[in-house]
Amino acid sequence: MTTQEKNIEIAKMLGAVREEWYPSNKDTGSTGIYFAMPQKQYFPNGERYCGDTFLKFDTDANWQFEAIDWVEKQGYPVTVCQEYCQIDTNFQPYNEIIGYEGKNKKEAIFEALFQFSQYLKQKK
């Protein structure tokens, strides 16, 4: 999966819904696809809408920690240490840990969030 696709999966995990508003624009890099958060919920940039090419879960610590807060509010403990991020999914009969060790902290968090989004999708 591309970085953009992983960003989209994380946004969907947080409740964002895909909407198509405009035709794609090569000058701005916009695909015309936007994501909308549910009522009274916002992306970390304070907006309810965000273009798919402008999602920043891979590069912005504020976006990442908003997502980590959401994961923790669902009852899953998250541990971040240096270049490692771990999400404990101990609600299952067995103790499964989603973990990722990256080149840096942002990469580790991004990949662990993506893997967790896939875990939740599979669990449904």
PDB file of N, CA and C in Angstrom:
ATOM      1  N   MET A   1       0.838  -1.193   0.000  1.00  0.00           N
ATOM      2  CA  MET A   1       0.000   0.000   0.000  1.00  0.00           C
ATOM      3  C   MET A   1       0.878   1.251   0.000  1.00  0.00           C
ATOM      4  N   THR A   2       0.392   2.277  -0.650  1.00  0.00           N
ATOM      5  CA  THR A   2       1.140   3.532  -0.665  1.00  0.00           C
ATOM      6  C   THR A   2       0.925   4.286   0.646  1.00  0.00           C
ATOM      7  N   THR A   3       1.753   5.284   0.874  1.00  0.00           N
ATOM      8  CA  THR A   3       1.606   6.120   2.066  1.00  0.00           C
ATOM      9  C   THR A   3       0.237   6.791   2.075  1.00  0.00           C
ATOM     10  N   GLN A   4      -0.197   7.288   0.922  1.00  0.00           N
ATOM     11  CA  GLN A   4      -1.503   7.941   0.835  1.00  0.00           C
ATOM     12  C   GLN A   4      -2.619   6.965   1.195  1.00  0.00           C
ATOM     13  N   GLU A   5      -2.550   5.747   0.700  1.00  0.00           N
ATOM     14  CA  GLU A   5      -3.571   4.744   1.011  1.00  0.00           C
ATOM     15  C   GLU A   5      -3.582   4.409   2.502  1.00  0.00           C
ATOM     16  N   LYS A   6      -2.402   4.353   3.114  1.00  0.00           N
ATOM     17  CA  LYS A   6      -2.323   4.083   4.552  1.00  0.00           C
ATOM     18  C   LYS A   6      -2.912   5.246   5.345  1.00  0.00           C
ATOM     19  N   ASN A   7      -2.634   6.487   4.920  1.00  0.00           N
ATOM     20  CA  ASN A   7      -3.234   7.657   5.564  1.00  0.00           C
ATOM     21  C   ASN A   7      -4.755   7.575   5.504  1.00  0.00           C
ATOM     22  N   ILE A   8      -5.283   7.175   4.359  1.00  0.00           N
ATOM     23  CA  ILE A   8      -6.731   7.055   4.187  1.00  0.00           C
ATOM     24  C   ILE A   8      -7.297   5.999   5.128  1.00  0.00           C
ATOM     25  N   GLU A   9      -6.613   4.867   5.258  1.00  0.00           N
ATOM     26  CA  GLU A   9      -7.094   3.807   6.152  1.00  0.00           C
ATOM     27  C   GLU A   9      -7.139   4.291   7.605  1.00  0.00           C
ATOM     28  N   ILE A  10      -6.139   5.057   8.019  1.00  0.00           N
ATOM     29  CA  ILE A  10      -6.132   5.596   9.387  1.00  0.00           C
ATOM     30  C   ILE A  10      -7.275   6.584   9.562  1.00  0.00           C
ATOM     31  N   ALA A  11      -7.491   7.452   8.570  1.00  0.00           N
ATOM     32  CA  ALA A  11      -8.602   8.416   8.636  1.00  0.00           C
ATOM     33  C   ALA A  11      -9.941   7.696   8.749  1.00  0.00           C
ATOM     34  N   LYS A  12     -10.123   6.636   7.976  1.00  0.00           N
ATOM     35  CA  LYS A  12     -11.371   5.853   8.048  1.00  0.00           C
ATOM     36  C   LYS A  12     -11.533   5.224   9.425  1.00  0.00           C
ATOM     37  N   MET A  13     -10.436   4.728   9.985  1.00  0.00           N
ATOM     38  CA  MET A  13     -10.483   4.132  11.322  1.00  0.00           C
ATOM     39  C   MET A  13     -11.030   5.142  12.331  1.00  0.00           C
ATOM     40  N   LEU A  14     -10.649   6.410  12.172  1.00  0.00           N
ATOM     41  CA  LEU A  14     -11.079   7.465  13.095  1.00  0.00           C
ATOM     42  C   LEU A  14     -12.501   7.943  12.828  1.00  0.00           C
ATOM     43  N   GLY A  15     -13.126   7.414  11.780  1.00  0.00           N
ATOM     44  CA  GLY A  15     -14.521   7.758  11.495  1.00  0.00           C
ATOM     45  C   GLY A  15     -14.741   8.617  10.273  1.00  0.00           C
ATOM     46  N   ALA A  16     -13.683   8.955   9.552  1.00  0.00           N
ATOM     47  CA  ALA A  16     -13.829   9.803   8.366  1.00  0.00           C
ATOM     48  C   ALA A  16     -14.553   9.041   7.260  1.00  0.00           C
ATOM     49  N   VAL A  17     -15.360   9.778   6.508  1.00  0.00           N
ATOM     50  CA  VAL A  17     -16.142   9.205   5.416  1.00  0.00           C
ATOM     51  C   VAL A  17     -15.701   9.859   4.116  1.00  0.00           C
ATOM     52  N   ARG A  18     -15.542   9.070   3.081  1.00  0.00           N
ATOM     53  CA  ARG A  18     -15.083   9.561   1.781  1.00  0.00           C
ATOM     54  C   ARG A  18     -16.194  10.331   1.066  1.00  0.00           C
ATOM     55  N   GLU A  19     -15.830  11.480   0.515  1.00  0.00           N
ATOM     56  CA  GLU A  19     -16.730  12.285  -0.303  1.00  0.00           C
ATOM     57  C   GLU A  19     -15.945  12.789  -1.504  1.00  0.00           C
ATOM     58  N   GLU A  20     -16.576  12.817  -2.677  1.00  0.00           N
ATOM     59  CA  GLU A  20     -15.914  13.362  -3.857  1.00  0.00           C
ATOM     60  C   GLU A  20     -16.561  14.690  -4.189  1.00  0.00           C
ATOM     61  N   TRP A  21     -15.748  15.743  -4.209  1.00  0.00           N
ATOM     62  CA  TRP A  21     -16.275  17.092  -4.416  1.00  0.00           C
ATOM     63  C   TRP A  21     -15.901  17.694  -5.746  1.00  0.00           C
ATOM     64  N   TYR A  22     -14.639  17.575  -6.100  1.00  0.00           N
ATOM     65  CA  TYR A  22     -14.113  18.288  -7.259  1.00  0.00           C
ATOM     66  C   TYR A  22     -13.371  17.325  -8.163  1.00  0.00           C
ATOM     67  N   PRO A  23     -13.218  17.705  -9.434  1.00  0.00           N
ATOM     68  CA  PRO A  23     -12.354  16.884 -10.289  1.00  0.00           C
ATOM     69  C   PRO A  23     -10.898  17.012  -9.830  1.00  0.00           C
ATOM     70  N   SER A  24     -10.093  16.061 -10.188  1.00  0.00           N
ATOM     71  CA  SER A  24      -8.687  16.114  -9.770  1.00  0.00           C
ATOM     72  C   SER A  24      -8.002  17.350 -10.353  1.00  0.00           C
ATOM     73  N   ASN A  25      -6.969  17.829  -9.649  1.00  0.00           N
ATOM     74  CA  ASN A  25      -6.237  19.020 -10.053  1.00  0.00           C
ATOM     75  C   ASN A  25      -4.750  18.725  -9.917  1.00  0.00           C
ATOM     76  N   LYS A  26      -4.076  18.558 -11.045  1.00  0.00           N
ATOM     77  CA  LYS A  26      -2.651  18.209 -11.016  1.00  0.00           C
ATOM     78  C   LYS A  26      -1.800  19.329 -10.431  1.00  0.00           C
ATOM     79  N   ASP A  27      -2.238  20.593 -10.593  1.00  0.00           N
ATOM     80  CA  ASP A  27      -1.453  21.720 -10.072  1.00  0.00           C
ATOM     81  C   ASP A  27      -1.374  21.716  -8.552  1.00  0.00           C
ATOM     82  N   THR A  28      -2.473  21.369  -7.882  1.00  0.00           N
ATOM     83  CA  THR A  28      -2.492  21.370  -6.417  1.00  0.00           C
ATOM     84  C   THR A  28      -2.202  19.988  -5.843  1.00  0.00           C
ATOM     85  N   GLY A  29      -2.225  18.968  -6.693  1.00  0.00           N
ATOM     86  CA  GLY A  29      -2.027  17.607  -6.203  1.00  0.00           C
ATOM     87  C   GLY A  29      -3.304  16.992  -5.663  1.00  0.00           C
ATOM     88  N   SER A  30      -4.410  17.699  -5.793  1.00  0.00           N
ATOM     89  CA  SER A  30      -5.688  17.202  -5.268  1.00  0.00           C
ATOM     90  C   SER A  30      -6.289  16.170  -6.210  1.00  0.00           C
ATOM     91  N   THR A  31      -6.793  15.105  -5.641  1.00  0.00           N
ATOM     92  CA  THR A  31      -7.485  14.087  -6.427  1.00  0.00           C
ATOM     93  C   THR A  31      -8.977  14.379  -6.503  1.00  0.00           C
ATOM     94  N   GLY A  32      -9.444  15.371  -5.742  1.00  0.00           N
ATOM     95  CA  GLY A  32     -10.863  15.665  -5.685  1.00  0.00           C
ATOM     96  C   GLY A  32     -11.595  14.841  -4.651  1.00  0.00           C
ATOM     97  N   ILE A  33     -10.873  13.969  -3.974  1.00  0.00           N
ATOM     98  CA  ILE A  33     -11.486  13.119  -2.945  1.00  0.00           C
ATOM     99  C   ILE A  33     -11.208  13.729  -1.582  1.00  0.00           C
ATOM    100  N   TYR A  34     -12.253  13.930  -0.829  1.00  0.00           N
ATOM    101  CA  TYR A  34     -12.125  14.505   0.508  1.00  0.00           C
ATOM    102  C   TYR A  34     -12.704  13.534   1.518  1.00  0.00           C
ATOM    103  N   PHE A  35     -12.282  13.707   2.746  1.00  0.00           N
ATOM    104  CA  PHE A  35     -12.824  12.912   3.830  1.00  0.00           C
ATOM    105  C   PHE A  35     -13.478  13.843   4.833  1.00  0.00           C
ATOM    106  N   ALA A  36     -14.644  13.452   5.311  1.00  0.00           N
ATOM    107  CA  ALA A  36     -15.394  14.256   6.273  1.00  0.00           C
ATOM    108  C   ALA A  36     -15.466  13.504   7.589  1.00  0.00           C
ATOM    109  N   MET A  37     -15.231  14.210   8.671  1.00  0.00           N
ATOM    110  CA  MET A  37     -15.369  13.619  10.000  1.00  0.00           C
ATOM    111  C   MET A  37     -16.821  13.738  10.442  1.00  0.00           C
ATOM    112  N   PRO A  38     -17.274  12.835  11.315  1.00  0.00           N
ATOM    113  CA  PRO A  38     -18.639  12.922  11.841  1.00  0.00           C
ATOM    114  C   PRO A  38     -18.846  14.235  12.607  1.00  0.00           C
ATOM    115  N   GLN A  39     -20.102  14.572  12.852  1.00  0.00           N
ATOM    116  CA  GLN A  39     -20.442  15.798  13.590  1.00  0.00           C
ATOM    117  C   GLN A  39     -19.634  15.907  14.872  1.00  0.00           C
ATOM    118  N   LYS A  40     -19.164  17.102  15.156  1.00  0.00           N
ATOM    119  CA  LYS A  40     -18.428  17.452  16.372  1.00  0.00           C
ATOM    120  C   LYS A  40     -17.095  16.712  16.506  1.00  0.00           C
ATOM    121  N   GLN A  41     -16.597  16.182  15.409  1.00  0.00           N
ATOM    122  CA  GLN A  41     -15.266  15.586  15.392  1.00  0.00           C
ATOM    123  C   GLN A  41     -14.461  16.291  14.312  1.00  0.00           C
ATOM    124  N   TYR A  42     -13.168  16.399  14.529  1.00  0.00           N
ATOM    125  CA  TYR A  42     -12.329  17.163  13.620  1.00  0.00           C
ATOM    126  C   TYR A  42     -11.018  16.444  13.352  1.00  0.00           C
ATOM    127  N   PHE A  43     -10.430  16.739  12.196  1.00  0.00           N
ATOM    128  CA  PHE A  43      -9.078  16.292  11.929  1.00  0.00           C
ATOM    129  C   PHE A  43      -8.144  17.096  12.830  1.00  0.00           C
ATOM    130  N   PRO A  44      -6.919  16.637  13.033  1.00  0.00           N
ATOM    131  CA  PRO A  44      -5.995  17.372  13.906  1.00  0.00           C
ATOM    132  C   PRO A  44      -5.703  18.805  13.458  1.00  0.00           C
ATOM    133  N   ASN A  45      -5.992  19.145  12.211  1.00  0.00           N
ATOM    134  CA  ASN A  45      -5.790  20.521  11.761  1.00  0.00           C
ATOM    135  C   ASN A  45      -6.982  21.416  12.102  1.00  0.00           C
ATOM    136  N   GLY A  46      -7.966  20.874  12.846  1.00  0.00           N
ATOM    137  CA  GLY A  46      -9.123  21.646  13.276  1.00  0.00           C
ATOM    138  C   GLY A  46     -10.250  21.701  12.268  1.00  0.00           C
ATOM    139  N   GLU A  47     -10.120  21.013  11.149  1.00  0.00           N
ATOM    140  CA  GLU A  47     -11.133  21.035  10.093  1.00  0.00           C
ATOM    141  C   GLU A  47     -11.956  19.751  10.118  1.00  0.00           C
ATOM    142  N   ARG A  48     -13.204  19.842   9.625  1.00  0.00           N
ATOM    143  CA  ARG A  48     -14.037  18.647   9.496  1.00  0.00           C
ATOM    144  C   ARG A  48     -13.792  17.927   8.176  1.00  0.00           C
ATOM    145  N   TYR A  49     -13.175  18.619   7.211  1.00  0.00           N
ATOM    146  CA  TYR A  49     -12.929  18.045   5.894  1.00  0.00           C
ATOM    147  C   TYR A  49     -11.444  18.110   5.569  1.00  0.00           C
ATOM    148  N   CYS A  50     -10.963  17.110   4.849  1.00  0.00           N
ATOM    149  CA  CYS A  50      -9.546  17.093   4.479  1.00  0.00           C
ATOM    150  C   CYS A  50      -9.397  16.305   3.180  1.00  0.00           C
ATOM    151  N   GLY A  51      -8.652  16.874   2.239  1.00  0.00           N
ATOM    152  CA  GLY A  51      -8.374  16.166   0.991  1.00  0.00           C
ATOM    153  C   GLY A  51      -7.500  14.958   1.244  1.00  0.00           C
ATOM    154  N   ASP A  52      -7.712  13.924   0.444  1.00  0.00           N
ATOM    155  CA  ASP A  52      -6.962  12.689   0.666  1.00  0.00           C
ATOM    156  C   ASP A  52      -5.457  12.879   0.533  1.00  0.00           C
ATOM    157  N   THR A  53      -5.026  13.830  -0.270  1.00  0.00           N
ATOM    158  CA  THR A  53      -3.588  14.055  -0.432  1.00  0.00           C
ATOM    159  C   THR A  53      -3.018  14.952   0.660  1.00  0.00           C
ATOM    160  N   PHE A  54      -3.885  15.461   1.542  1.00  0.00           N
ATOM    161  CA  PHE A  54      -3.438  16.361   2.602  1.00  0.00           C
ATOM    162  C   PHE A  54      -3.497  15.723   3.992  1.00  0.00           C
ATOM    163  N   LEU A  55      -3.800  14.440   4.063  1.00  0.00           N
ATOM    164  CA  LEU A  55      -3.772  13.725   5.336  1.00  0.00           C
ATOM    165  C   LEU A  55      -2.319  13.590   5.768  1.00  0.00           C
ATOM    166  N   LYS A  56      -2.040  13.802   7.060  1.00  0.00           N
ATOM    167  CA  LYS A  56      -0.644  13.887   7.520  1.00  0.00           C
ATOM    168  C   LYS A  56      -0.300  12.915   8.650  1.00  0.00           C
ATOM    169  N   PHE A  57      -0.952  11.774   8.692  1.00  0.00           N
ATOM    170  CA  PHE A  57      -0.640  10.824   9.758  1.00  0.00           C
ATOM    171  C   PHE A  57       0.775  10.263   9.629  1.00  0.00           C
ATOM    172  N   ASP A  58       1.374  10.383   8.455  1.00  0.00           N
ATOM    173  CA  ASP A  58       2.733   9.866   8.249  1.00  0.00           C
ATOM    174  C   ASP A  58       3.819  10.864   8.619  1.00  0.00           C
ATOM    175  N   THR A  59       3.497  12.170   8.673  1.00  0.00           N
ATOM    176  CA  THR A  59       4.554  13.173   8.856  1.00  0.00           C
ATOM    177  C   THR A  59       4.366  14.124  10.033  1.00  0.00           C
ATOM    178  N   ASP A  60       3.171  14.228  10.567  1.00  0.00           N
ATOM    179  CA  ASP A  60       2.891  15.255  11.570  1.00  0.00           C
ATOM    180  C   ASP A  60       2.587  14.602  12.927  1.00  0.00           C
ATOM    181  N   ALA A  61       3.402  14.917  13.908  1.00  0.00           N
ATOM    182  CA  ALA A  61       3.241  14.320  15.245  1.00  0.00           C
ATOM    183  C   ALA A  61       1.887  14.676  15.860  1.00  0.00           C
ATOM    184  N   ASN A  62       1.369  15.869  15.592  1.00  0.00           N
ATOM    185  CA  ASN A  62       0.050  16.235  16.125  1.00  0.00           C
ATOM    186  C   ASN A  62      -1.034  15.315  15.583  1.00  0.00           C
ATOM    187  N   TRP A  63      -0.979  15.018  14.300  1.00  0.00           N
ATOM    188  CA  TRP A  63      -1.948  14.096  13.702  1.00  0.00           C
ATOM    189  C   TRP A  63      -1.785  12.715  14.312  1.00  0.00           C
ATOM    190  N   GLN A  64      -0.545  12.279  14.478  1.00  0.00           N
ATOM    191  CA  GLN A  64      -0.304  10.946  15.024  1.00  0.00           C
ATOM    192  C   GLN A  64      -0.823  10.824  16.449  1.00  0.00           C
ATOM    193  N   PHE A  65      -0.574  11.828  17.269  1.00  0.00           N
ATOM    194  CA  PHE A  65      -0.992  11.720  18.668  1.00  0.00           C
ATOM    195  C   PHE A  65      -2.498  11.880  18.833  1.00  0.00           C
ATOM    196  N   GLU A  66      -3.155  12.586  17.923  1.00  0.00           N
ATOM    197  CA  GLU A  66      -4.627  12.591  17.928  1.00  0.00           C
ATOM    198  C   GLU A  66      -5.140  11.179  17.674  1.00  0.00           C
ATOM    199  N   ALA A  67      -4.520  10.482  16.726  1.00  0.00           N
ATOM    200  CA  ALA A  67      -4.921   9.106  16.424  1.00  0.00           C
ATOM    201  C   ALA A  67      -4.607   8.178  17.594  1.00  0.00           C
ATOM    202  N   ILE A  68      -3.445   8.363  18.228  1.00  0.00           N
ATOM    203  CA  ILE A  68      -3.096   7.550  19.399  1.00  0.00           C
ATOM    204  C   ILE A  68      -4.107   7.780  20.523  1.00  0.00           C
ATOM    205  N   ASP A  69      -4.503   9.023  20.745  1.00  0.00           N
ATOM    206  CA  ASP A  69      -5.525   9.317  21.764  1.00  0.00           C
ATOM    207  C   ASP A  69      -6.808   8.565  21.456  1.00  0.00           C
ATOM    208  N   TRP A  70      -7.197   8.540  20.187  1.00  0.00           N
ATOM    209  CA  TRP A  70      -8.419   7.829  19.793  1.00  0.00           C
ATOM    210  C   TRP A  70      -8.279   6.335  20.103  1.00  0.00           C
ATOM    211  N   VAL A  71      -7.132   5.747  19.749  1.00  0.00           N
ATOM    212  CA  VAL A  71      -6.898   4.321  19.998  1.00  0.00           C
ATOM    213  C   VAL A  71      -6.993   4.040  21.499  1.00  0.00           C
ATOM    214  N   GLU A  72      -6.366   4.880  22.310  1.00  0.00           N
ATOM    215  CA  GLU A  72      -6.390   4.681  23.764  1.00  0.00           C
ATOM    216  C   GLU A  72      -7.803   4.842  24.328  1.00  0.00           C
ATOM    217  N   LYS A  73      -8.590   5.744  23.772  1.00  0.00           N
ATOM    218  CA  LYS A  73      -9.983   5.916  24.228  1.00  0.00           C
ATOM    219  C   LYS A  73     -10.838   4.698  23.908  1.00  0.00           C
ATOM    220  N   GLN A  74     -10.397   3.905  22.920  1.00  0.00           N
ATOM    221  CA  GLN A  74     -11.097   2.660  22.607  1.00  0.00           C
ATOM    222  C   GLN A  74     -10.694   1.551  23.577  1.00  0.00           C
ATOM    223  N   GLY A  75      -9.732   1.843  24.455  1.00  0.00           N
ATOM    224  CA  GLY A  75      -9.310   0.880  25.471  1.00  0.00           C
ATOM    225  C   GLY A  75      -8.063   0.090  25.134  1.00  0.00           C
ATOM    226  N   TYR A  76      -7.351   0.478  24.091  1.00  0.00           N
ATOM    227  CA  TYR A  76      -6.137  -0.229  23.699  1.00  0.00           C
ATOM    228  C   TYR A  76      -4.910   0.559  24.149  1.00  0.00           C
ATOM    229  N   PRO A  77      -4.092   0.005  25.031  1.00  0.00           N
ATOM    230  CA  PRO A  77      -2.876   0.706  25.468  1.00  0.00           C
ATOM    231  C   PRO A  77      -1.875   0.869  24.320  1.00  0.00           C
ATOM    232  N   VAL A  78      -1.269   2.043  24.256  1.00  0.00           N
ATOM    233  CA  VAL A  78      -0.259   2.340  23.235  1.00  0.00           C
ATOM    234  C   VAL A  78       1.037   2.714  23.941  1.00  0.00           C
ATOM    235  N   THR A  79       2.132   2.138  23.473  1.00  0.00           N
ATOM    236  CA  THR A  79       3.457   2.454  23.993  1.00  0.00           C
ATOM    237  C   THR A  79       4.325   2.945  22.838  1.00  0.00           C
ATOM    238  N   VAL A  80       4.949   4.099  23.043  1.00  0.00           N
ATOM    239  CA  VAL A  80       5.881   4.634  22.054  1.00  0.00           C
ATOM    240  C   VAL A  80       7.218   4.829  22.756  1.00  0.00           C
ATOM    241  N   CYS A  81       8.259   4.235  22.201  1.00  0.00           N
ATOM    242  CA  CYS A  81       9.591   4.338  22.798  1.00  0.00           C
ATOM    243  C   CYS A  81      10.622   4.385  21.679  1.00  0.00           C
ATOM    244  N   GLN A  82      11.288   5.508  21.566  1.00  0.00           N
ATOM    245  CA  GLN A  82      12.300   5.730  20.534  1.00  0.00           C
ATOM    246  C   GLN A  82      11.728   5.416  19.155  1.00  0.00           C
ATOM    247  N   GLU A  83      12.253   4.411  18.469  1.00  0.00           N
ATOM    248  CA  GLU A  83      11.783   4.081  17.118  1.00  0.00           C
ATOM    249  C   GLU A  83      10.799   2.908  17.121  1.00  0.00           C
ATOM    250  N   TYR A  84      10.067   2.720  18.204  1.00  0.00           N
ATOM    251  CA  TYR A  84       9.151   1.584  18.314  1.00  0.00           C
ATOM    252  C   TYR A  84       7.786   2.053  18.814  1.00  0.00           C
ATOM    253  N   CYS A  85       6.736   1.498  18.224  1.00  0.00           N
ATOM    254  CA  CYS A  85       5.372   1.781  18.680  1.00  0.00           C
ATOM    255  C   CYS A  85       4.634   0.460  18.795  1.00  0.00           C
ATOM    256  N   GLN A  86       3.911   0.305  19.899  1.00  0.00           N
ATOM    257  CA  GLN A  86       3.199  -0.938  20.184  1.00  0.00           C
ATOM    258  C   GLN A  86       1.775  -0.625  20.616  1.00  0.00           C
ATOM    259  N   ILE A  87       0.820  -1.395  20.084  1.00  0.00           N
ATOM    260  CA  ILE A  87      -0.585  -1.286  20.486  1.00  0.00           C
ATOM    261  C   ILE A  87      -0.997  -2.656  20.992  1.00  0.00           C
ATOM    262  N   ASP A  88      -1.438  -2.711  22.220  1.00  0.00           N
ATOM    263  CA  ASP A  88      -1.791  -3.971  22.886  1.00  0.00           C
ATOM    264  C   ASP A  88      -3.272  -4.240  22.673  1.00  0.00           C
ATOM    265  N   THR A  89      -3.570  -5.334  22.010  1.00  0.00           N
ATOM    266  CA  THR A  89      -4.966  -5.700  21.735  1.00  0.00           C
ATOM    267  C   THR A  89      -5.402  -6.829  22.663  1.00  0.00           C
ATOM    268  N   ASN A  90      -5.209  -6.631  23.942  1.00  0.00           N
ATOM    269  CA  ASN A  90      -5.426  -7.698  24.922  1.00  0.00           C
ATOM    270  C   ASN A  90      -6.886  -8.003  25.231  1.00  0.00           C
ATOM    271  N   PHE A  91      -7.811  -7.507  24.443  1.00  0.00           N
ATOM    272  CA  PHE A  91      -9.220  -7.840  24.667  1.00  0.00           C
ATOM    273  C   PHE A  91      -9.550  -9.232  24.150  1.00  0.00           C
ATOM    274  N   GLN A  92      -8.666  -9.792  23.383  1.00  0.00           N
ATOM    275  CA  GLN A  92      -8.894 -11.097  22.787  1.00  0.00           C
ATOM    276  C   GLN A  92      -8.523 -12.188  23.797  1.00  0.00           C
ATOM    277  N   PRO A  93      -8.928 -13.424  23.513  1.00  0.00           N
ATOM    278  CA  PRO A  93      -8.560 -14.529  24.409  1.00  0.00           C
ATOM    279  C   PRO A  93      -7.049 -14.697  24.523  1.00  0.00           C
ATOM    280  N   TYR A  94      -6.317 -14.218  23.554  1.00  0.00           N
ATOM    281  CA  TYR A  94      -4.861 -14.260  23.605  1.00  0.00           C
ATOM    282  C   TYR A  94      -4.349 -12.830  23.562  1.00  0.00           C
ATOM    283  N   ASN A  95      -3.175 -12.628  24.024  1.00  0.00           N
ATOM    284  CA  ASN A  95      -2.603 -11.282  24.092  1.00  0.00           C
ATOM    285  C   ASN A  95      -1.841 -10.996  22.803  1.00  0.00           C
ATOM    286  N   GLU A  96      -2.455 -10.246  21.925  1.00  0.00           N
ATOM    287  CA  GLU A  96      -1.822  -9.898  20.651  1.00  0.00           C
ATOM    288  C   GLU A  96      -1.289  -8.479  20.736  1.00  0.00           C
ATOM    289  N   ILE A  97      -0.111  -8.291  20.229  1.00  0.00           N
ATOM    290  CA  ILE A  97       0.493  -6.960  20.229  1.00  0.00           C
ATOM    291  C   ILE A  97       0.802  -6.575  18.793  1.00  0.00           C
ATOM    292  N   ILE A  98       0.346  -5.396  18.422  1.00  0.00           N
ATOM    293  CA  ILE A  98       0.704  -4.839  17.127  1.00  0.00           C
ATOM    294  C   ILE A  98       1.877  -3.913  17.387  1.00  0.00           C
ATOM    295  N   GLY A  99       2.987  -4.194  16.798  1.00  0.00           N
ATOM    296  CA  GLY A  99       4.170  -3.381  17.022  1.00  0.00           C
ATOM    297  C   GLY A  99       4.918  -3.135  15.740  1.00  0.00           C
ATOM    298  N   TYR A 100       5.600  -2.022  15.691  1.00  0.00           N
ATOM    299  CA  TYR A 100       6.398  -1.708  14.522  1.00  0.00           C
ATOM    300  C   TYR A 100       7.632  -0.938  14.946  1.00  0.00           C
ATOM    301  N   GLU A 101       8.777  -1.382  14.447  1.00  0.00           N
ATOM    302  CA  GLU A 101      10.018  -0.660  14.685  1.00  0.00           C
ATOM    303  C   GLU A 101      10.424  -0.001  13.376  1.00  0.00           C
ATOM    304  N   GLY A 102      10.548   1.318  13.401  1.00  0.00           N
ATOM    305  CA  GLY A 102      10.858   2.059  12.184  1.00  0.00           C
ATOM    306  C   GLY A 102      12.207   2.740  12.236  1.00  0.00           C
ATOM    307  N   LYS A 103      12.477   3.507  11.183  1.00  0.00           N
ATOM    308  CA  LYS A 103      13.720   4.285  11.121  1.00  0.00           C
ATOM    309  C   LYS A 103      13.696   5.419  12.135  1.00  0.00           C
ATOM    310  N   ASN A 104      12.495   5.873  12.446  1.00  0.00           N
ATOM    311  CA  ASN A 104      12.325   6.946  13.425  1.00  0.00           C
ATOM    312  C   ASN A 104      10.963   6.793  14.091  1.00  0.00           C
ATOM    313  N   LYS A 105      10.695   7.631  15.074  1.00  0.00           N
ATOM    314  CA  LYS A 105       9.470   7.532  15.860  1.00  0.00           C
ATOM    315  C   LYS A 105       8.216   7.737  14.994  1.00  0.00           C
ATOM    316  N   LYS A 106       8.245   8.724  14.099  1.00  0.00           N
ATOM    317  CA  LYS A 106       7.068   8.998  13.255  1.00  0.00           C
ATOM    318  C   LYS A 106       6.727   7.810  12.366  1.00  0.00           C
ATOM    319  N   GLU A 107       7.744   7.197  11.779  1.00  0.00           N
ATOM    320  CA  GLU A 107       7.487   6.034  10.925  1.00  0.00           C
ATOM    321  C   GLU A 107       6.912   4.881  11.746  1.00  0.00           C
ATOM    322  N   ALA A 108       7.451   4.650  12.920  1.00  0.00           N
ATOM    323  CA  ALA A 108       6.967   3.561  13.769  1.00  0.00           C
ATOM    324  C   ALA A 108       5.509   3.779  14.155  1.00  0.00           C
ATOM    325  N   ILE A 109       5.160   4.998  14.541  1.00  0.00           N
ATOM    326  CA  ILE A 109       3.777   5.302  14.928  1.00  0.00           C
ATOM    327  C   ILE A 109       2.850   5.153  13.732  1.00  0.00           C
ATOM    328  N   PHE A 110       3.250   5.708  12.600  1.00  0.00           N
ATOM    329  CA  PHE A 110       2.423   5.638  11.392  1.00  0.00           C
ATOM    330  C   PHE A 110       2.128   4.191  11.002  1.00  0.00           C
ATOM    331  N   GLU A 111       3.154   3.365  10.963  1.00  0.00           N
ATOM    332  CA  GLU A 111       2.964   1.969  10.558  1.00  0.00           C
ATOM    333  C   GLU A 111       2.138   1.184  11.584  1.00  0.00           C
ATOM    334  N   ALA A 112       2.353   1.446  12.876  1.00  0.00           N
ATOM    335  CA  ALA A 112       1.561   0.761  13.905  1.00  0.00           C
ATOM    336  C   ALA A 112       0.093   1.182  13.814  1.00  0.00           C
ATOM    337  N   LEU A 113      -0.164   2.467  13.578  1.00  0.00           N
ATOM    338  CA  LEU A 113      -1.549   2.939  13.413  1.00  0.00           C
ATOM    339  C   LEU A 113      -2.199   2.290  12.197  1.00  0.00           C
ATOM    340  N   PHE A 114      -1.457   2.200  11.110  1.00  0.00           N
ATOM    341  CA  PHE A 114      -2.004   1.553   9.920  1.00  0.00           C
ATOM    342  C   PHE A 114      -2.312   0.083  10.205  1.00  0.00           C
ATOM    343  N   GLN A 115      -1.354  -0.630  10.813  1.00  0.00           N
ATOM    344  CA  GLN A 115      -1.582  -2.048  11.126  1.00  0.00           C
ATOM    345  C   GLN A 115      -2.783  -2.212  12.054  1.00  0.00           C
ATOM    346  N   PHE A 116      -2.941  -1.293  13.001  1.00  0.00           N
ATOM    347  CA  PHE A 116      -4.085  -1.356  13.916  1.00  0.00           C
ATOM    348  C   PHE A 116      -5.387  -1.116  13.159  1.00  0.00           C
ATOM    349  N   SER A 117      -5.371  -0.197  12.195  1.00  0.00           N
ATOM    350  CA  SER A 117      -6.588   0.046  11.394  1.00  0.00           C
ATOM    351  C   SER A 117      -6.997  -1.227  10.655  1.00  0.00           C
ATOM    352  N   GLN A 118      -6.015  -1.976  10.173  1.00  0.00           N
ATOM    353  CA  GLN A 118      -6.295  -3.223   9.480  1.00  0.00           C
ATOM    354  C   GLN A 118      -6.799  -4.296  10.447  1.00  0.00           C
ATOM    355  N   TYR A 119      -6.255  -4.294  11.646  1.00  0.00           N
ATOM    356  CA  TYR A 119      -6.711  -5.221  12.692  1.00  0.00           C
ATOM    357  C   TYR A 119      -8.192  -4.968  12.990  1.00  0.00           C
ATOM    358  N   LEU A 120      -8.569  -3.697  13.170  1.00  0.00           N
ATOM    359  CA  LEU A 120      -9.960  -3.378  13.475  1.00  0.00           C
ATOM    360  C   LEU A 120     -10.880  -3.716  12.296  1.00  0.00           C
ATOM    361  N   LYS A 121     -10.418  -3.468  11.094  1.00  0.00           N
ATOM    362  CA  LYS A 121     -11.214  -3.780   9.899  1.00  0.00           C
ATOM    363  C   LYS A 121     -11.468  -5.281   9.819  1.00  0.00           C
ATOM    364  N   GLN A 122     -10.446  -6.080  10.097  1.00  0.00           N
ATOM    365  CA  GLN A 122     -10.556  -7.532  10.062  1.00  0.00           C
ATOM    366  C   GLN A 122     -11.455  -8.054  11.183  1.00  0.00           C
ATOM    367  N   LYS A 123     -11.425  -7.369  12.304  1.00  0.00           N
ATOM    368  CA  LYS A 123     -12.190  -7.786  13.485  1.00  0.00           C
ATOM    369  C   LYS A 123     -13.702  -7.633  13.280  1.00  0.00           C
ATOM    370  N   LYS A 124     -14.090  -6.687  12.414  1.00  0.00           N
ATOM    371  CA  LYS A 124     -15.526  -6.420  12.191  1.00  0.00           C
ATOM    372  C   LYS A 124     -16.229  -7.545  11.555  1.00  0.00           C
TER     373      LYS A 124
END
